[in-house]
N, C-alpha and C. Protein backbone atom coordinates (compact mmCIF):
# COMPACT_ATOMS: atom_id res chain seq x y z
N MET A 1 2.96 -10.18 18.24
CA MET A 1 2.87 -10.42 16.80
C MET A 1 3.45 -11.80 16.52
N SER A 2 2.73 -12.58 15.78
CA SER A 2 3.19 -13.90 15.43
C SER A 2 4.17 -13.82 14.26
N LEU A 3 5.30 -14.47 14.41
CA LEU A 3 6.29 -14.47 13.34
C LEU A 3 5.93 -15.45 12.23
N THR A 4 4.84 -16.16 12.36
CA THR A 4 4.43 -17.10 11.31
C THR A 4 3.51 -16.42 10.29
N ARG A 5 3.17 -15.17 10.48
CA ARG A 5 2.31 -14.44 9.56
C ARG A 5 2.95 -14.39 8.17
N ASP A 6 2.14 -14.56 7.12
CA ASP A 6 2.67 -14.51 5.76
C ASP A 6 2.98 -13.07 5.40
N LEU A 7 4.25 -12.79 5.19
CA LEU A 7 4.70 -11.44 4.88
C LEU A 7 4.96 -11.23 3.39
N ASP A 8 4.81 -12.28 2.59
CA ASP A 8 5.16 -12.20 1.18
C ASP A 8 4.34 -11.14 0.44
N GLY A 9 5.06 -10.28 -0.27
CA GLY A 9 4.42 -9.28 -1.10
C GLY A 9 3.96 -8.04 -0.38
N ARG A 10 4.25 -7.92 0.89
CA ARG A 10 3.86 -6.71 1.61
C ARG A 10 4.81 -5.58 1.21
N ILE A 11 4.23 -4.40 1.00
CA ILE A 11 4.98 -3.26 0.47
C ILE A 11 4.66 -2.01 1.29
N ALA A 12 5.67 -1.19 1.53
CA ALA A 12 5.47 0.09 2.22
C ALA A 12 6.62 1.02 1.88
N GLN A 13 6.47 2.27 2.30
CA GLN A 13 7.52 3.26 2.10
C GLN A 13 7.80 3.95 3.42
N GLY A 14 8.96 4.60 3.49
CA GLY A 14 9.30 5.35 4.68
C GLY A 14 10.28 6.46 4.36
N TRP A 15 10.19 7.52 5.12
CA TRP A 15 11.12 8.64 5.03
C TRP A 15 11.76 8.81 6.40
N GLY A 16 13.05 9.11 6.38
CA GLY A 16 13.75 9.39 7.63
C GLY A 16 14.65 10.59 7.47
N GLY A 17 14.76 11.39 8.53
CA GLY A 17 15.69 12.51 8.55
C GLY A 17 15.18 13.73 7.81
N ASP A 18 16.11 14.66 7.58
CA ASP A 18 15.82 15.92 6.91
C ASP A 18 16.76 16.11 5.74
N ALA A 19 16.26 16.80 4.70
CA ALA A 19 17.09 17.11 3.54
C ALA A 19 18.27 17.99 3.98
N PRO A 20 19.42 17.83 3.39
CA PRO A 20 19.71 16.94 2.28
C PRO A 20 20.15 15.54 2.71
N ASN A 21 20.17 15.27 4.02
CA ASN A 21 20.66 13.98 4.49
C ASN A 21 19.54 13.01 4.83
N GLY A 22 18.34 13.32 4.37
CA GLY A 22 17.21 12.42 4.57
C GLY A 22 17.27 11.26 3.58
N VAL A 23 16.50 10.24 3.89
CA VAL A 23 16.48 9.03 3.07
C VAL A 23 15.03 8.61 2.84
N HIS A 24 14.70 8.27 1.60
CA HIS A 24 13.39 7.72 1.28
C HIS A 24 13.58 6.29 0.79
N VAL A 25 12.73 5.39 1.28
CA VAL A 25 12.83 3.99 0.89
C VAL A 25 11.46 3.43 0.51
N ASN A 26 11.49 2.42 -0.34
CA ASN A 26 10.35 1.54 -0.60
C ASN A 26 10.82 0.16 -0.17
N VAL A 27 9.99 -0.55 0.55
CA VAL A 27 10.35 -1.87 1.07
C VAL A 27 9.36 -2.90 0.55
N ILE A 28 9.90 -4.02 0.10
CA ILE A 28 9.07 -5.17 -0.27
C ILE A 28 9.56 -6.36 0.54
N LEU A 29 8.64 -7.03 1.19
CA LEU A 29 8.95 -8.24 1.93
C LEU A 29 8.59 -9.45 1.07
N ALA A 30 9.42 -10.47 1.12
CA ALA A 30 9.17 -11.65 0.30
C ALA A 30 9.49 -12.92 1.07
N ARG A 31 8.89 -14.00 0.64
CA ARG A 31 9.16 -15.33 1.20
C ARG A 31 9.96 -16.10 0.16
N ARG A 32 11.02 -16.74 0.58
CA ARG A 32 11.86 -17.52 -0.34
C ARG A 32 10.99 -18.50 -1.13
N GLY A 33 11.22 -18.57 -2.42
CA GLY A 33 10.48 -19.47 -3.29
C GLY A 33 9.21 -18.88 -3.87
N SER A 34 8.85 -17.67 -3.46
CA SER A 34 7.62 -17.06 -3.96
C SER A 34 7.90 -16.29 -5.25
N ALA A 35 6.83 -15.94 -5.95
CA ALA A 35 6.98 -15.12 -7.16
C ALA A 35 7.57 -13.75 -6.82
N THR A 36 7.22 -13.22 -5.66
CA THR A 36 7.78 -11.93 -5.23
C THR A 36 9.29 -12.04 -5.10
N ALA A 37 9.74 -13.06 -4.42
CA ALA A 37 11.19 -13.25 -4.23
C ALA A 37 11.88 -13.48 -5.57
N ALA A 38 11.26 -14.25 -6.45
CA ALA A 38 11.87 -14.52 -7.76
C ALA A 38 12.03 -13.23 -8.55
N GLY A 39 11.00 -12.40 -8.54
CA GLY A 39 11.08 -11.14 -9.27
C GLY A 39 12.14 -10.21 -8.70
N MET A 40 12.23 -10.13 -7.40
CA MET A 40 13.19 -9.23 -6.78
C MET A 40 14.62 -9.76 -6.89
N THR A 41 14.80 -11.06 -6.80
CA THR A 41 16.16 -11.58 -6.93
C THR A 41 16.65 -11.46 -8.36
N SER A 42 15.75 -11.37 -9.34
CA SER A 42 16.17 -11.10 -10.72
C SER A 42 16.85 -9.74 -10.80
N ALA A 43 16.32 -8.76 -10.09
CA ALA A 43 16.94 -7.43 -10.06
C ALA A 43 18.32 -7.51 -9.40
N PHE A 44 18.46 -8.36 -8.41
CA PHE A 44 19.74 -8.52 -7.72
C PHE A 44 20.77 -9.18 -8.62
N SER A 45 20.32 -10.14 -9.41
CA SER A 45 21.27 -10.89 -10.24
C SER A 45 21.52 -10.26 -11.61
N GLY A 46 20.80 -9.21 -11.95
CA GLY A 46 20.98 -8.57 -13.24
C GLY A 46 21.14 -7.07 -13.11
N PRO A 47 22.17 -6.60 -12.42
CA PRO A 47 22.32 -5.15 -12.22
C PRO A 47 22.64 -4.42 -13.53
N SER A 48 22.33 -3.14 -13.54
CA SER A 48 22.70 -2.31 -14.69
C SER A 48 23.62 -1.19 -14.18
N ALA A 49 24.27 -0.51 -15.09
CA ALA A 49 25.24 0.52 -14.72
C ALA A 49 24.62 1.53 -13.76
N GLY A 50 25.28 1.74 -12.63
CA GLY A 50 24.82 2.70 -11.64
C GLY A 50 23.80 2.17 -10.66
N PHE A 51 23.34 0.96 -10.87
CA PHE A 51 22.31 0.38 -10.01
C PHE A 51 22.79 -0.95 -9.45
N THR A 52 23.84 -0.92 -8.69
CA THR A 52 24.41 -2.14 -8.13
C THR A 52 23.70 -2.51 -6.83
N PRO A 53 23.02 -3.65 -6.79
CA PRO A 53 22.37 -4.09 -5.56
C PRO A 53 23.42 -4.46 -4.51
N ILE A 54 23.06 -4.24 -3.26
CA ILE A 54 23.96 -4.54 -2.14
C ILE A 54 23.26 -5.50 -1.19
N LEU A 55 23.88 -6.64 -0.91
CA LEU A 55 23.40 -7.53 0.13
C LEU A 55 23.91 -6.95 1.45
N VAL A 56 23.00 -6.57 2.33
CA VAL A 56 23.37 -5.87 3.55
C VAL A 56 24.16 -6.80 4.47
N CYS A 57 25.34 -6.34 4.81
CA CYS A 57 26.19 -7.07 5.74
C CYS A 57 26.88 -6.07 6.65
N ALA A 58 27.45 -6.58 7.72
CA ALA A 58 28.11 -5.72 8.69
C ALA A 58 29.34 -6.42 9.23
N GLY A 59 30.27 -5.64 9.68
CA GLY A 59 31.49 -6.15 10.29
C GLY A 59 32.54 -5.06 10.28
N PRO A 60 33.51 -5.15 11.19
CA PRO A 60 34.52 -4.11 11.29
C PRO A 60 35.48 -4.06 10.10
N ASP A 61 35.57 -5.18 9.35
CA ASP A 61 36.41 -5.22 8.16
C ASP A 61 35.82 -6.24 7.20
N GLN A 62 36.31 -6.23 5.96
CA GLN A 62 35.71 -7.09 4.94
C GLN A 62 35.79 -8.57 5.28
N ARG A 63 36.86 -9.01 5.92
CA ARG A 63 36.98 -10.44 6.28
C ARG A 63 35.94 -10.89 7.29
N SER A 64 35.41 -9.95 8.07
CA SER A 64 34.47 -10.34 9.13
C SER A 64 33.02 -10.00 8.80
N TYR A 65 32.72 -9.67 7.55
CA TYR A 65 31.34 -9.36 7.17
C TYR A 65 30.41 -10.51 7.56
N GLU A 66 29.23 -10.13 8.06
CA GLU A 66 28.16 -11.08 8.34
C GLU A 66 26.90 -10.59 7.65
N THR A 67 26.18 -11.48 7.00
CA THR A 67 24.93 -11.12 6.34
C THR A 67 23.87 -10.84 7.40
N VAL A 68 23.19 -9.71 7.26
CA VAL A 68 22.07 -9.40 8.15
C VAL A 68 20.96 -10.41 7.86
N GLN A 69 20.30 -10.87 8.90
CA GLN A 69 19.21 -11.83 8.76
C GLN A 69 17.90 -11.19 9.19
N PRO A 70 16.84 -11.26 8.41
CA PRO A 70 16.76 -11.95 7.13
C PRO A 70 17.58 -11.21 6.08
N PRO A 71 18.02 -11.95 5.04
CA PRO A 71 18.81 -11.31 4.00
C PRO A 71 18.06 -10.08 3.45
N THR A 72 18.81 -9.00 3.32
CA THR A 72 18.24 -7.72 2.92
C THR A 72 19.06 -7.17 1.76
N VAL A 73 18.38 -6.76 0.71
CA VAL A 73 19.05 -6.23 -0.47
C VAL A 73 18.65 -4.77 -0.65
N ILE A 74 19.66 -3.92 -0.81
CA ILE A 74 19.44 -2.50 -1.12
C ILE A 74 19.56 -2.33 -2.63
N LEU A 75 18.58 -1.67 -3.20
CA LEU A 75 18.60 -1.34 -4.62
C LEU A 75 18.47 0.18 -4.76
N PRO A 76 19.47 0.87 -5.26
CA PRO A 76 19.34 2.33 -5.42
C PRO A 76 18.22 2.67 -6.40
N LYS A 77 17.45 3.74 -6.08
CA LYS A 77 16.37 4.19 -6.98
C LYS A 77 16.94 4.92 -8.18
N VAL A 78 18.03 5.62 -7.97
CA VAL A 78 18.69 6.35 -9.06
C VAL A 78 20.19 6.08 -8.97
N ALA A 79 20.86 6.20 -10.08
CA ALA A 79 22.31 6.01 -10.09
C ALA A 79 22.97 7.10 -9.25
N ALA A 80 23.95 6.73 -8.45
CA ALA A 80 24.68 7.70 -7.64
C ALA A 80 25.34 8.72 -8.56
N GLU A 81 25.13 10.00 -8.26
CA GLU A 81 25.65 11.05 -9.13
C GLU A 81 27.12 11.37 -8.87
N ASN A 82 27.64 10.89 -7.75
CA ASN A 82 29.03 11.19 -7.42
C ASN A 82 29.57 10.12 -6.47
N ASP A 83 30.86 10.17 -6.24
CA ASP A 83 31.50 9.19 -5.37
C ASP A 83 30.99 9.28 -3.93
N VAL A 84 30.65 10.49 -3.47
CA VAL A 84 30.14 10.65 -2.11
C VAL A 84 28.82 9.91 -1.97
N SER A 85 27.92 10.10 -2.94
CA SER A 85 26.62 9.42 -2.89
C SER A 85 26.80 7.90 -2.90
N GLN A 86 27.70 7.40 -3.75
CA GLN A 86 27.95 5.97 -3.82
C GLN A 86 28.47 5.45 -2.48
N MET A 87 29.38 6.20 -1.86
CA MET A 87 29.95 5.79 -0.57
C MET A 87 28.88 5.83 0.52
N LEU A 88 27.99 6.83 0.48
CA LEU A 88 26.91 6.91 1.47
C LEU A 88 25.96 5.73 1.34
N ILE A 89 25.63 5.35 0.11
CA ILE A 89 24.75 4.20 -0.10
C ILE A 89 25.43 2.92 0.38
N SER A 90 26.70 2.75 -0.01
CA SER A 90 27.43 1.52 0.36
C SER A 90 27.73 1.45 1.85
N GLY A 91 27.89 2.58 2.49
CA GLY A 91 28.26 2.61 3.90
C GLY A 91 27.10 2.97 4.82
N ALA A 92 26.79 4.26 4.88
CA ALA A 92 25.80 4.76 5.84
C ALA A 92 24.41 4.14 5.65
N VAL A 93 23.95 4.07 4.40
CA VAL A 93 22.62 3.49 4.15
C VAL A 93 22.64 2.00 4.48
N GLN A 94 23.72 1.32 4.13
CA GLN A 94 23.80 -0.12 4.42
C GLN A 94 23.77 -0.37 5.94
N VAL A 95 24.52 0.41 6.70
CA VAL A 95 24.54 0.24 8.16
C VAL A 95 23.17 0.59 8.75
N GLY A 96 22.61 1.73 8.34
CA GLY A 96 21.29 2.12 8.87
C GLY A 96 20.21 1.12 8.53
N THR A 97 20.26 0.59 7.30
CA THR A 97 19.29 -0.44 6.89
C THR A 97 19.47 -1.69 7.73
N GLY A 98 20.70 -2.13 7.90
CA GLY A 98 20.96 -3.30 8.74
C GLY A 98 20.46 -3.11 10.16
N GLN A 99 20.69 -1.92 10.71
CA GLN A 99 20.21 -1.64 12.08
C GLN A 99 18.69 -1.71 12.14
N ALA A 100 18.01 -1.12 11.15
CA ALA A 100 16.55 -1.14 11.15
C ALA A 100 15.99 -2.55 11.03
N VAL A 101 16.60 -3.36 10.17
CA VAL A 101 16.16 -4.74 10.02
C VAL A 101 16.35 -5.50 11.34
N LEU A 102 17.50 -5.33 11.95
CA LEU A 102 17.75 -6.01 13.22
C LEU A 102 16.87 -5.46 14.33
N ASP A 103 16.54 -4.15 14.30
CA ASP A 103 15.57 -3.59 15.25
C ASP A 103 14.22 -4.28 15.07
N SER A 104 13.83 -4.50 13.80
CA SER A 104 12.55 -5.15 13.51
C SER A 104 12.53 -6.60 13.95
N VAL A 105 13.67 -7.27 13.85
CA VAL A 105 13.78 -8.64 14.36
C VAL A 105 13.66 -8.63 15.88
N ALA A 106 14.38 -7.71 16.52
CA ALA A 106 14.33 -7.62 17.99
C ALA A 106 12.92 -7.31 18.48
N ALA A 107 12.15 -6.54 17.71
CA ALA A 107 10.77 -6.21 18.06
C ALA A 107 9.79 -7.32 17.67
N GLU A 108 10.31 -8.42 17.10
CA GLU A 108 9.53 -9.58 16.67
C GLU A 108 8.52 -9.26 15.58
N LEU A 109 8.85 -8.27 14.73
CA LEU A 109 8.02 -7.98 13.57
C LEU A 109 8.32 -8.94 12.43
N ILE A 110 9.60 -9.31 12.31
CA ILE A 110 10.06 -10.20 11.25
C ILE A 110 11.02 -11.21 11.84
N PRO A 111 11.09 -12.39 11.24
CA PRO A 111 12.01 -13.41 11.76
C PRO A 111 13.42 -13.24 11.18
N ALA A 112 14.41 -13.66 11.94
CA ALA A 112 15.81 -13.65 11.49
C ALA A 112 16.09 -15.02 10.89
N ASP A 113 15.73 -15.19 9.62
CA ASP A 113 15.92 -16.48 8.98
C ASP A 113 16.25 -16.30 7.51
N GLN A 114 16.47 -17.40 6.83
CA GLN A 114 16.74 -17.39 5.39
C GLN A 114 15.45 -17.60 4.57
N GLU A 115 14.33 -17.73 5.23
CA GLU A 115 13.06 -17.98 4.55
C GLU A 115 12.39 -16.69 4.09
N HIS A 116 12.84 -15.58 4.62
CA HIS A 116 12.27 -14.29 4.25
C HIS A 116 13.36 -13.41 3.66
N LEU A 117 12.96 -12.50 2.79
CA LEU A 117 13.88 -11.57 2.16
C LEU A 117 13.28 -10.17 2.27
N ILE A 118 14.16 -9.19 2.39
CA ILE A 118 13.71 -7.80 2.42
C ILE A 118 14.42 -7.07 1.29
N PHE A 119 13.65 -6.36 0.49
CA PHE A 119 14.21 -5.56 -0.59
C PHE A 119 13.93 -4.10 -0.28
N VAL A 120 14.97 -3.30 -0.32
CA VAL A 120 14.88 -1.89 0.02
C VAL A 120 15.36 -1.06 -1.17
N SER A 121 14.46 -0.33 -1.79
CA SER A 121 14.84 0.60 -2.84
C SER A 121 15.06 1.94 -2.14
N VAL A 122 16.24 2.52 -2.35
CA VAL A 122 16.64 3.69 -1.55
C VAL A 122 16.98 4.90 -2.42
N TRP A 123 16.58 6.07 -1.94
CA TRP A 123 16.94 7.33 -2.55
C TRP A 123 17.59 8.21 -1.51
N ILE A 124 18.74 8.78 -1.89
CA ILE A 124 19.35 9.83 -1.07
C ILE A 124 19.57 11.04 -1.97
N ASP A 125 19.52 12.20 -1.37
CA ASP A 125 19.74 13.46 -2.08
C ASP A 125 21.18 13.51 -2.58
N PRO A 126 21.42 13.90 -3.81
CA PRO A 126 22.80 14.00 -4.31
C PRO A 126 23.64 14.99 -3.50
N GLU A 127 22.99 15.87 -2.74
CA GLU A 127 23.71 16.85 -1.91
C GLU A 127 24.03 16.31 -0.52
N ALA A 128 23.60 15.10 -0.19
CA ALA A 128 23.87 14.51 1.13
C ALA A 128 25.38 14.42 1.35
N ARG A 129 25.81 14.71 2.58
CA ARG A 129 27.23 14.67 2.91
C ARG A 129 27.52 14.09 4.29
N ASP A 130 26.55 14.14 5.19
CA ASP A 130 26.76 13.74 6.59
C ASP A 130 26.43 12.26 6.76
N GLU A 131 27.48 11.42 6.82
CA GLU A 131 27.22 9.98 6.85
C GLU A 131 26.48 9.53 8.10
N THR A 132 26.70 10.18 9.24
CA THR A 132 25.97 9.79 10.44
C THR A 132 24.49 10.14 10.31
N ALA A 133 24.20 11.32 9.76
CA ALA A 133 22.80 11.71 9.55
C ALA A 133 22.13 10.80 8.54
N VAL A 134 22.84 10.42 7.49
CA VAL A 134 22.28 9.51 6.48
C VAL A 134 22.03 8.13 7.09
N ARG A 135 22.96 7.63 7.91
CA ARG A 135 22.75 6.34 8.57
C ARG A 135 21.51 6.38 9.45
N THR A 136 21.39 7.43 10.25
CA THR A 136 20.23 7.58 11.14
C THR A 136 18.94 7.70 10.33
N SER A 137 19.00 8.45 9.23
CA SER A 137 17.83 8.61 8.37
C SER A 137 17.41 7.29 7.74
N ALA A 138 18.40 6.51 7.27
CA ALA A 138 18.10 5.20 6.68
C ALA A 138 17.47 4.28 7.71
N ARG A 139 18.02 4.29 8.91
CA ARG A 139 17.47 3.44 9.98
C ARG A 139 16.02 3.80 10.25
N GLU A 140 15.74 5.09 10.34
CA GLU A 140 14.38 5.55 10.60
C GLU A 140 13.44 5.19 9.45
N ALA A 141 13.87 5.45 8.21
CA ALA A 141 13.02 5.20 7.05
C ALA A 141 12.70 3.71 6.90
N VAL A 142 13.71 2.86 7.00
CA VAL A 142 13.50 1.42 6.84
C VAL A 142 12.63 0.88 7.98
N ALA A 143 12.89 1.34 9.20
CA ALA A 143 12.08 0.88 10.33
C ALA A 143 10.60 1.23 10.13
N LYS A 144 10.33 2.45 9.67
CA LYS A 144 8.94 2.86 9.42
C LYS A 144 8.31 1.99 8.33
N ALA A 145 9.06 1.76 7.26
CA ALA A 145 8.52 0.98 6.14
C ALA A 145 8.26 -0.47 6.54
N VAL A 146 9.18 -1.09 7.26
CA VAL A 146 8.98 -2.48 7.69
C VAL A 146 7.77 -2.54 8.63
N GLN A 147 7.67 -1.60 9.56
CA GLN A 147 6.53 -1.56 10.49
C GLN A 147 5.22 -1.49 9.72
N GLU A 148 5.16 -0.58 8.75
CA GLU A 148 3.92 -0.44 7.97
C GLU A 148 3.65 -1.68 7.13
N ALA A 149 4.69 -2.26 6.54
CA ALA A 149 4.50 -3.46 5.72
C ALA A 149 3.96 -4.62 6.55
N VAL A 150 4.44 -4.77 7.76
CA VAL A 150 4.04 -5.90 8.60
C VAL A 150 2.70 -5.65 9.28
N VAL A 151 2.54 -4.49 9.88
CA VAL A 151 1.37 -4.20 10.71
C VAL A 151 0.26 -3.54 9.92
N GLY A 152 0.62 -2.79 8.89
CA GLY A 152 -0.38 -2.02 8.15
C GLY A 152 -0.52 -0.63 8.72
N ARG A 153 -1.41 0.13 8.13
CA ARG A 153 -1.68 1.50 8.60
C ARG A 153 -2.96 1.50 9.40
N LEU A 154 -3.08 2.48 10.26
CA LEU A 154 -4.32 2.64 11.02
C LEU A 154 -5.45 2.96 10.05
N SER A 155 -6.60 2.39 10.27
CA SER A 155 -7.76 2.65 9.42
C SER A 155 -8.09 4.14 9.41
N THR A 156 -7.92 4.81 10.54
CA THR A 156 -8.22 6.25 10.59
C THR A 156 -7.28 7.04 9.67
N ASP A 157 -6.01 6.62 9.58
CA ASP A 157 -5.06 7.30 8.68
C ASP A 157 -5.46 7.08 7.22
N THR A 158 -5.84 5.87 6.90
CA THR A 158 -6.25 5.56 5.53
C THR A 158 -7.52 6.33 5.18
N GLN A 159 -8.47 6.38 6.09
CA GLN A 159 -9.72 7.11 5.85
C GLN A 159 -9.46 8.60 5.69
N ALA A 160 -8.53 9.17 6.45
CA ALA A 160 -8.19 10.59 6.32
C ALA A 160 -7.56 10.86 4.95
N LEU A 161 -6.74 9.96 4.47
CA LEU A 161 -6.13 10.12 3.15
C LEU A 161 -7.19 10.05 2.06
N ILE A 162 -8.11 9.13 2.19
CA ILE A 162 -9.20 9.02 1.22
C ILE A 162 -10.05 10.29 1.23
N ALA A 163 -10.36 10.80 2.41
CA ALA A 163 -11.19 12.00 2.52
C ALA A 163 -10.51 13.23 1.92
N SER A 164 -9.18 13.26 1.93
CA SER A 164 -8.46 14.43 1.41
C SER A 164 -7.89 14.19 0.01
N ARG A 165 -8.39 13.19 -0.68
CA ARG A 165 -7.82 12.79 -1.97
C ARG A 165 -7.82 13.91 -3.00
N ASP A 166 -8.76 14.85 -2.96
CA ASP A 166 -8.78 15.93 -3.93
C ASP A 166 -7.74 17.01 -3.65
N GLU A 167 -7.15 16.98 -2.47
CA GLU A 167 -6.13 17.96 -2.10
C GLU A 167 -4.74 17.34 -1.95
N LEU A 168 -4.53 16.15 -2.52
CA LEU A 168 -3.23 15.49 -2.37
C LEU A 168 -2.11 16.39 -2.88
N LEU A 169 -1.00 16.37 -2.17
CA LEU A 169 0.18 17.15 -2.53
C LEU A 169 1.38 16.24 -2.61
N HIS A 170 2.40 16.71 -3.33
CA HIS A 170 3.67 16.00 -3.40
C HIS A 170 4.73 17.03 -3.76
N PRO A 171 5.91 16.95 -3.16
CA PRO A 171 6.93 17.96 -3.44
C PRO A 171 7.42 17.95 -4.89
N PHE A 172 7.19 16.89 -5.63
CA PHE A 172 7.62 16.84 -7.03
C PHE A 172 6.46 17.13 -8.00
N TYR A 173 5.36 17.66 -7.47
CA TYR A 173 4.24 18.04 -8.31
C TYR A 173 3.91 19.51 -8.02
N GLY A 174 3.97 20.34 -9.04
CA GLY A 174 3.72 21.76 -8.85
C GLY A 174 2.42 22.25 -9.46
N GLY A 175 1.62 21.34 -9.98
CA GLY A 175 0.37 21.74 -10.62
C GLY A 175 -0.75 22.02 -9.62
N ASN A 176 -1.94 22.29 -10.17
CA ASN A 176 -3.08 22.52 -9.28
C ASN A 176 -4.05 21.38 -9.42
């Protein structure tokens, strides 16, 4: 895979793990200076109560934090309902997201530079409690989403979805 491919505006989603410690993400890839990056960085610079964006970083203590490359921002989909959820987003999800981004760099899907940005909108179940399971789930979800955003979906998968469009299901839809 060529790292010179234009990734700006590519979007995908991913799920990792099992409830209640599973994680769902939406990922948007952007190129610095693009309209996509401008729109997403506006969300980063203008947080609202309960929706604090996190620039993904890692390190054994606060003094040694290093920004994951490419810069990656986590945006919660919903306000954390409790301190445990907030801690899981700030800790486990941040670490799992950082691992997935670095896995994607190691696999040469995305470059480790300041020219690209990754935005991850994340949802965790308010009942989540296992930080290791949440970290693993975040890593899996983000990795799937980045892979799909960069490579795309198989045509056969897309055609199967189109063919079954009248029977689409979703766990948050109970109608017929």
